[in-house]
C-alpha atoms as a PDB file:
ATOM      1  CA  MET A   1      78.341 298.891 133.518  1.00  0.00           C
ATOM      2  CA  ALA A   2      75.699 296.405 132.393  1.00  0.00           C
ATOM      3  CA  ARG A   3      77.774 293.583 133.827  1.00  0.00           C
ATOM      4  CA  HIS A   4      77.858 295.322 137.192  1.00  0.00           C
ATOM      5  CA  ALA A   5      74.078 295.796 137.136  1.00  0.00           C
ATOM      6  CA  GLU A   6      73.602 292.078 136.392  1.00  0.00           C
ATOM      7  CA  LEU A   7      75.821 291.115 139.313  1.00  0.00           C
ATOM      8  CA  VAL A   8      73.981 293.456 141.680  1.00  0.00           C
ATOM      9  CA  ARG A   9      70.632 292.078 140.496  1.00  0.00           C
ATOM     10  CA  ALA A  10      71.834 288.493 141.037  1.00  0.00           C
ATOM     11  CA  LEU A  11      73.024 289.289 144.556  1.00  0.00           C
ATOM     12  CA  ALA A  12      69.694 290.940 145.345  1.00  0.00           C
ATOM     13  CA  MET A  13      67.781 287.896 144.051  1.00  0.00           C
ATOM     14  CA  ARG A  14      69.877 285.572 146.185  1.00  0.00           C
ATOM     15  CA  ALA A  15      69.443 287.753 149.265  1.00  0.00           C
ATOM     16  CA  LYS A  16      65.682 287.903 148.780  1.00  0.00           C
ATOM     17  CA  ALA A  17      65.525 284.130 148.339  1.00  0.00           C
ATOM     18  CA  ALA A  18      67.572 283.573 151.492  1.00  0.00           C
ATOM     19  CA  LYS A  19      65.322 285.938 153.466  1.00  0.00           C
ATOM     20  CA  GLU A  20      62.185 284.164 152.273  1.00  0.00           C
ATOM     21  CA  ARG A  21      63.618 280.766 153.210  1.00  0.00           C
ATOM     22  CA  ALA A  22      64.659 282.047 156.638  1.00  0.00           C
ATOM     23  CA  ASP A  23      61.308 283.742 157.248  1.00  0.00           C
ATOM     24  CA  GLY A  24      59.492 280.603 156.154  1.00  0.00           C
ATOM     25  CA  ALA A  25      61.557 278.485 158.505  1.00  0.00           C
ATOM     26  CA  ALA A  26      61.026 280.879 161.411  1.00  0.00           C
ATOM     27  CA  LEU A  27      57.288 281.071 160.824  1.00  0.00           C
ATOM     28  CA  GLY A  28      56.828 277.440 159.853  1.00  0.00           C
ATOM     29  CA  ASP A  29      55.475 278.604 156.477  1.00  0.00           C
ATOM     30  CA  GLU A  30      56.229 275.998 153.818  1.00  0.00           C
ATOM     31  CA  ARG A  31      54.982 278.302 151.051  1.00  0.00           C
ATOM     32  CA  LEU A  32      57.629 280.921 151.890  1.00  0.00           C
ATOM     33  CA  LYS A  33      60.360 278.312 152.135  1.00  0.00           C
ATOM     34  CA  GLU A  34      59.404 276.877 148.738  1.00  0.00           C
ATOM     35  CA  LEU A  35      59.285 280.344 147.188  1.00  0.00           C
ATOM     36  CA  GLY A  36      62.791 281.020 148.523  1.00  0.00           C
ATOM     37  CA  ARG A  37      64.085 277.719 147.147  1.00  0.00           C
ATOM     38  CA  ARG A  38      62.531 278.446 143.747  1.00  0.00           C
ATOM     39  CA  ARG A  39      64.052 281.935 143.597  1.00  0.00           C
ATOM     40  CA  GLN A  40      67.444 280.559 144.617  1.00  0.00           C
ATOM     41  CA  ALA A  41      67.275 278.018 141.798  1.00  0.00           C
ATOM     42  CA  GLU A  42      66.340 280.769 139.330  1.00  0.00           C
ATOM     43  CA  ALA A  43      69.263 282.918 140.505  1.00  0.00           C
ATOM     44  CA  GLU A  44      71.663 279.994 140.140  1.00  0.00           C
ATOM     45  CA  ALA A  45      70.356 279.226 136.646  1.00  0.00           C
ATOM     46  CA  ARG A  46      70.850 282.850 135.579  1.00  0.00           C
ATOM     47  CA  ALA A  47      74.367 282.849 137.016  1.00  0.00           C
ATOM     48  CA  ALA A  48      75.178 279.651 135.126  1.00  0.00           C
ATOM     49  CA  ARG A  49      73.930 281.167 131.869  1.00  0.00           C
ATOM     50  CA  ARG A  50      76.061 284.280 132.454  1.00  0.00           C
ATOM     51  CA  ARG A  51      79.134 282.162 133.151  1.00  0.00           C
ATOM     52  CA  SER A  52      78.583 280.139 129.980  1.00  0.00           C
ATOM     53  CA  GLY A  53      78.401 283.338 127.938  1.00  0.00           C
ATOM     54  CA  HIS A  54      74.768 283.146 126.861  1.00  0.00           C
END
């Protein structure tokens, strides 16, 4: 069950990052776009750690 919760959390993080990037692009807000890129990188780093078993 914990594994499932981690996967759901990762998907939510990615979705939130994508929404922030899209909102930033639509509004011309560089701060939102950067925040979305940063969150996407964090989500990818967490996924990589999970895949490596750590």
